[in-house]
Amino acid sequence: MITPLLDPTVITATSGLIAIIVIAAALLRGWQGWLELKRQELDRAAPARAGAEEGSTIGTARIELADLKERIRKLEAIASGVEL
């Protein structure tokens, strides 16, 4: 007579549950490692971005100014009836 704990379905179910727990733990550990890697990348990039933002604001302002001038030129051409 087979005892209830040695029943093949109980052993299969228990083995499957343990396998799922092991896989989930491994995936969770990998996910946490990936998040830590991304945090480190952001921390390393933050000082470089801070210095770049100061210098790039002038360049950005020039680009925006050129864009506005181009829009004004197009609007004036439309207002005067000139085809572009």
N, C-alpha and C. Protein backbone atom coordinates (compact mmCIF):
# COMPACT_ATOMS: atom_id res chain seq x y z
N MET A 1 0.83 -1.19 0.00
CA MET A 1 0.00 0.00 0.00
C MET A 1 0.87 1.26 0.00
N ILE A 2 0.55 2.21 -0.87
CA ILE A 2 1.32 3.44 -0.99
C ILE A 2 0.78 4.45 0.02
N THR A 3 1.70 5.05 0.76
CA THR A 3 1.27 6.08 1.72
C THR A 3 0.91 7.34 0.97
N PRO A 4 0.03 8.18 1.53
CA PRO A 4 -0.40 9.39 0.82
C PRO A 4 0.74 10.35 0.48
N LEU A 5 1.83 10.39 1.27
CA LEU A 5 2.93 11.31 0.98
C LEU A 5 3.83 10.80 -0.15
N LEU A 6 3.78 9.51 -0.44
CA LEU A 6 4.60 8.96 -1.51
C LEU A 6 3.80 8.74 -2.78
N ASP A 7 2.62 9.27 -2.81
CA ASP A 7 1.78 9.17 -4.01
C ASP A 7 2.46 9.92 -5.16
N PRO A 8 2.53 9.36 -6.35
CA PRO A 8 3.23 10.02 -7.48
C PRO A 8 2.69 11.41 -7.80
N THR A 9 1.41 11.67 -7.67
CA THR A 9 0.89 13.00 -7.97
C THR A 9 1.34 14.02 -6.93
N VAL A 10 1.45 13.60 -5.67
CA VAL A 10 1.94 14.51 -4.62
C VAL A 10 3.41 14.83 -4.86
N ILE A 11 4.19 13.83 -5.21
CA ILE A 11 5.62 14.04 -5.47
C ILE A 11 5.80 14.95 -6.69
N THR A 12 5.02 14.72 -7.73
CA THR A 12 5.11 15.55 -8.93
C THR A 12 4.69 16.99 -8.63
N ALA A 13 3.63 17.16 -7.89
CA ALA A 13 3.16 18.51 -7.56
C ALA A 13 4.18 19.24 -6.69
N THR A 14 4.74 18.54 -5.72
CA THR A 14 5.75 19.15 -4.84
C THR A 14 7.00 19.52 -5.64
N SER A 15 7.43 18.64 -6.52
CA SER A 15 8.61 18.93 -7.35
C SER A 15 8.36 20.13 -8.24
N GLY A 16 7.18 20.21 -8.83
CA GLY A 16 6.84 21.35 -9.68
C GLY A 16 6.81 22.65 -8.90
N LEU A 17 6.25 22.61 -7.70
CA LEU A 17 6.19 23.80 -6.86
C LEU A 17 7.59 24.27 -6.46
N ILE A 18 8.45 23.33 -6.10
CA ILE A 18 9.82 23.69 -5.75
C ILE A 18 10.55 24.27 -6.96
N ALA A 19 10.34 23.69 -8.13
CA ALA A 19 10.97 24.20 -9.35
C ALA A 19 10.51 25.62 -9.64
N ILE A 20 9.23 25.88 -9.49
CA ILE A 20 8.70 27.24 -9.73
C ILE A 20 9.30 28.23 -8.75
N ILE A 21 9.43 27.83 -7.47
CA ILE A 21 10.00 28.72 -6.46
C ILE A 21 11.46 29.03 -6.77
N VAL A 22 12.22 28.02 -7.19
CA VAL A 22 13.64 28.23 -7.53
C VAL A 22 13.76 29.16 -8.73
N ILE A 23 12.96 28.94 -9.75
CA ILE A 23 13.01 29.79 -10.95
C ILE A 23 12.60 31.22 -10.62
N ALA A 24 11.56 31.38 -9.82
CA ALA A 24 11.11 32.72 -9.44
C ALA A 24 12.18 33.45 -8.64
N ALA A 25 12.85 32.74 -7.73
CA ALA A 25 13.92 33.36 -6.93
C ALA A 25 15.08 33.79 -7.82
N ALA A 26 15.45 32.95 -8.79
CA ALA A 26 16.54 33.29 -9.70
C ALA A 26 16.18 34.51 -10.56
N LEU A 27 14.95 34.54 -11.05
CA LEU A 27 14.51 35.68 -11.86
C LEU A 27 14.46 36.96 -11.04
N LEU A 28 14.00 36.86 -9.80
CA LEU A 28 13.95 38.04 -8.93
C LEU A 28 15.34 38.57 -8.64
N ARG A 29 16.27 37.66 -8.40
CA ARG A 29 17.66 38.09 -8.14
C ARG A 29 18.25 38.76 -9.39
N GLY A 30 17.98 38.21 -10.55
CA GLY A 30 18.47 38.82 -11.78
C GLY A 30 17.85 40.19 -12.02
N TRP A 31 16.56 40.33 -11.74
CA TRP A 31 15.87 41.61 -11.90
C TRP A 31 16.46 42.65 -10.97
N GLN A 32 16.72 42.28 -9.71
CA GLN A 32 17.30 43.22 -8.76
C GLN A 32 18.70 43.64 -9.19
N GLY A 33 19.47 42.69 -9.73
CA GLY A 33 20.80 43.02 -10.23
C GLY A 33 20.73 43.98 -11.40
N TRP A 34 19.77 43.77 -12.30
CA TRP A 34 19.61 44.66 -13.45
C TRP A 34 19.22 46.06 -13.00
N LEU A 35 18.30 46.14 -12.03
CA LEU A 35 17.91 47.45 -11.51
C LEU A 35 19.08 48.17 -10.86
N GLU A 36 19.90 47.44 -10.12
CA GLU A 36 21.08 48.04 -9.48
C GLU A 36 22.06 48.55 -10.54
N LEU A 37 22.23 47.78 -11.62
CA LEU A 37 23.09 48.21 -12.71
C LEU A 37 22.58 49.52 -13.33
N LYS A 38 21.28 49.60 -13.57
CA LYS A 38 20.71 50.82 -14.15
C LYS A 38 20.85 52.00 -13.19
N ARG A 39 20.70 51.74 -11.87
CA ARG A 39 20.89 52.82 -10.89
C ARG A 39 22.32 53.35 -10.94
N GLN A 40 23.28 52.44 -11.04
CA GLN A 40 24.68 52.85 -11.12
C GLN A 40 24.95 53.64 -12.39
N GLU A 41 24.36 53.22 -13.50
CA GLU A 41 24.54 53.96 -14.76
C GLU A 41 23.97 55.37 -14.64
N LEU A 42 22.81 55.51 -14.01
CA LEU A 42 22.21 56.83 -13.83
C LEU A 42 23.04 57.70 -12.89
N ASP A 43 23.57 57.09 -11.83
CA ASP A 43 24.41 57.85 -10.90
C ASP A 43 25.68 58.33 -11.57
N ARG A 44 26.27 57.49 -12.44
CA ARG A 44 27.48 57.89 -13.14
C ARG A 44 27.20 58.96 -14.19
N ALA A 45 26.02 58.93 -14.80
CA ALA A 45 25.69 59.87 -15.85
C ALA A 45 25.22 61.21 -15.29
N ALA A 46 24.76 61.25 -14.05
CA ALA A 46 24.20 62.49 -13.47
C ALA A 46 25.23 63.63 -13.43
N PRO A 47 26.46 63.42 -12.94
CA PRO A 47 27.42 64.55 -12.94
C PRO A 47 27.77 65.01 -14.35
N ALA A 48 27.88 64.09 -15.28
CA ALA A 48 28.21 64.47 -16.65
C ALA A 48 27.08 65.28 -17.27
N ARG A 49 25.83 64.89 -16.97
CA ARG A 49 24.69 65.62 -17.51
C ARG A 49 24.59 67.01 -16.90
N ALA A 50 24.95 67.15 -15.63
CA ALA A 50 24.84 68.46 -14.97
C ALA A 50 25.77 69.46 -15.65
N GLY A 51 26.99 69.05 -15.98
CA GLY A 51 27.92 69.94 -16.66
C GLY A 51 27.51 70.20 -18.10
N ALA A 52 26.95 69.21 -18.74
CA ALA A 52 26.56 69.36 -20.14
C ALA A 52 25.34 70.26 -20.27
N GLU A 53 24.47 70.25 -19.29
CA GLU A 53 23.25 71.05 -19.38
C GLU A 53 23.58 72.54 -19.35
N GLU A 54 24.58 72.92 -18.56
CA GLU A 54 24.93 74.34 -18.49
C GLU A 54 25.44 74.85 -19.83
N GLY A 55 26.28 74.07 -20.48
CA GLY A 55 26.82 74.48 -21.76
C GLY A 55 25.83 74.35 -22.90
N SER A 56 24.93 73.41 -22.78
CA SER A 56 24.01 73.17 -23.88
C SER A 56 22.82 74.12 -23.88
N THR A 57 22.60 74.85 -22.80
CA THR A 57 21.46 75.76 -22.78
C THR A 57 21.66 76.88 -23.79
N ILE A 58 22.90 77.30 -23.99
CA ILE A 58 23.17 78.35 -24.97
C ILE A 58 22.89 77.82 -26.38
N GLY A 59 23.36 76.61 -26.63
CA GLY A 59 23.13 76.00 -27.94
C GLY A 59 21.65 75.76 -28.19
N THR A 60 20.95 75.32 -27.17
CA THR A 60 19.52 75.09 -27.29
C THR A 60 18.79 76.39 -27.56
N ALA A 61 19.18 77.45 -26.87
CA ALA A 61 18.55 78.76 -27.07
C ALA A 61 18.78 79.24 -28.50
N ARG A 62 19.97 79.01 -29.03
CA ARG A 62 20.25 79.43 -30.41
C ARG A 62 19.40 78.66 -31.41
N ILE A 63 19.25 77.36 -31.17
CA ILE A 63 18.43 76.55 -32.07
C ILE A 63 16.99 77.00 -32.02
N GLU A 64 16.49 77.25 -30.81
CA GLU A 64 15.10 77.71 -30.68
C GLU A 64 14.91 79.07 -31.34
N LEU A 65 15.88 79.94 -31.19
CA LEU A 65 15.80 81.27 -31.80
C LEU A 65 15.79 81.16 -33.32
N ALA A 66 16.63 80.30 -33.87
CA ALA A 66 16.66 80.10 -35.32
C ALA A 66 15.34 79.51 -35.80
N ASP A 67 14.77 78.60 -35.02
CA ASP A 67 13.49 78.01 -35.38
C ASP A 67 12.39 79.08 -35.37
N LEU A 68 12.39 79.94 -34.38
CA LEU A 68 11.39 81.01 -34.32
C LEU A 68 11.54 81.98 -35.49
N LYS A 69 12.77 82.31 -35.84
CA LYS A 69 13.00 83.21 -36.97
C LYS A 69 12.48 82.59 -38.27
N GLU A 70 12.70 81.30 -38.43
CA GLU A 70 12.22 80.60 -39.63
C GLU A 70 10.69 80.61 -39.68
N ARG A 71 10.06 80.39 -38.55
CA ARG A 71 8.59 80.42 -38.51
C ARG A 71 8.05 81.80 -38.84
N ILE A 72 8.71 82.82 -38.29
CA ILE A 72 8.27 84.20 -38.57
C ILE A 72 8.42 84.50 -40.05
N ARG A 73 9.54 84.07 -40.65
CA ARG A 73 9.76 84.30 -42.07
C ARG A 73 8.66 83.63 -42.90
N LYS A 74 8.29 82.39 -42.53
CA LYS A 74 7.24 81.69 -43.26
C LYS A 74 5.88 82.38 -43.09
N LEU A 75 5.59 82.83 -41.86
CA LEU A 75 4.31 83.52 -41.63
C LEU A 75 4.24 84.84 -42.39
N GLU A 76 5.36 85.56 -42.45
CA GLU A 76 5.38 86.81 -43.21
C GLU A 76 5.18 86.54 -44.70
N ALA A 77 5.77 85.46 -45.19
CA ALA A 77 5.61 85.10 -46.60
C ALA A 77 4.15 84.75 -46.90
N ILE A 78 3.52 84.02 -45.98
CA ILE A 78 2.10 83.66 -46.16
C ILE A 78 1.25 84.92 -46.13
N ALA A 79 1.55 85.84 -45.22
CA ALA A 79 0.77 87.07 -45.09
C ALA A 79 0.89 87.94 -46.32
N SER A 80 2.07 87.93 -46.95
CA SER A 80 2.25 88.77 -48.14
C SER A 80 1.81 88.05 -49.41
N GLY A 81 1.46 86.77 -49.29
CA GLY A 81 0.97 86.02 -50.45
C GLY A 81 2.06 85.43 -51.30
N VAL A 82 3.27 85.32 -50.82
CA VAL A 82 4.39 84.78 -51.57
C VAL A 82 4.40 83.26 -51.38
N GLU A 83 4.58 82.53 -52.47
CA GLU A 83 4.71 81.08 -52.38
C GLU A 83 6.13 80.71 -51.96
N LEU A 84 6.25 79.77 -51.08
CA LEU A 84 7.59 79.33 -50.64
C LEU A 84 8.08 78.17 -51.47
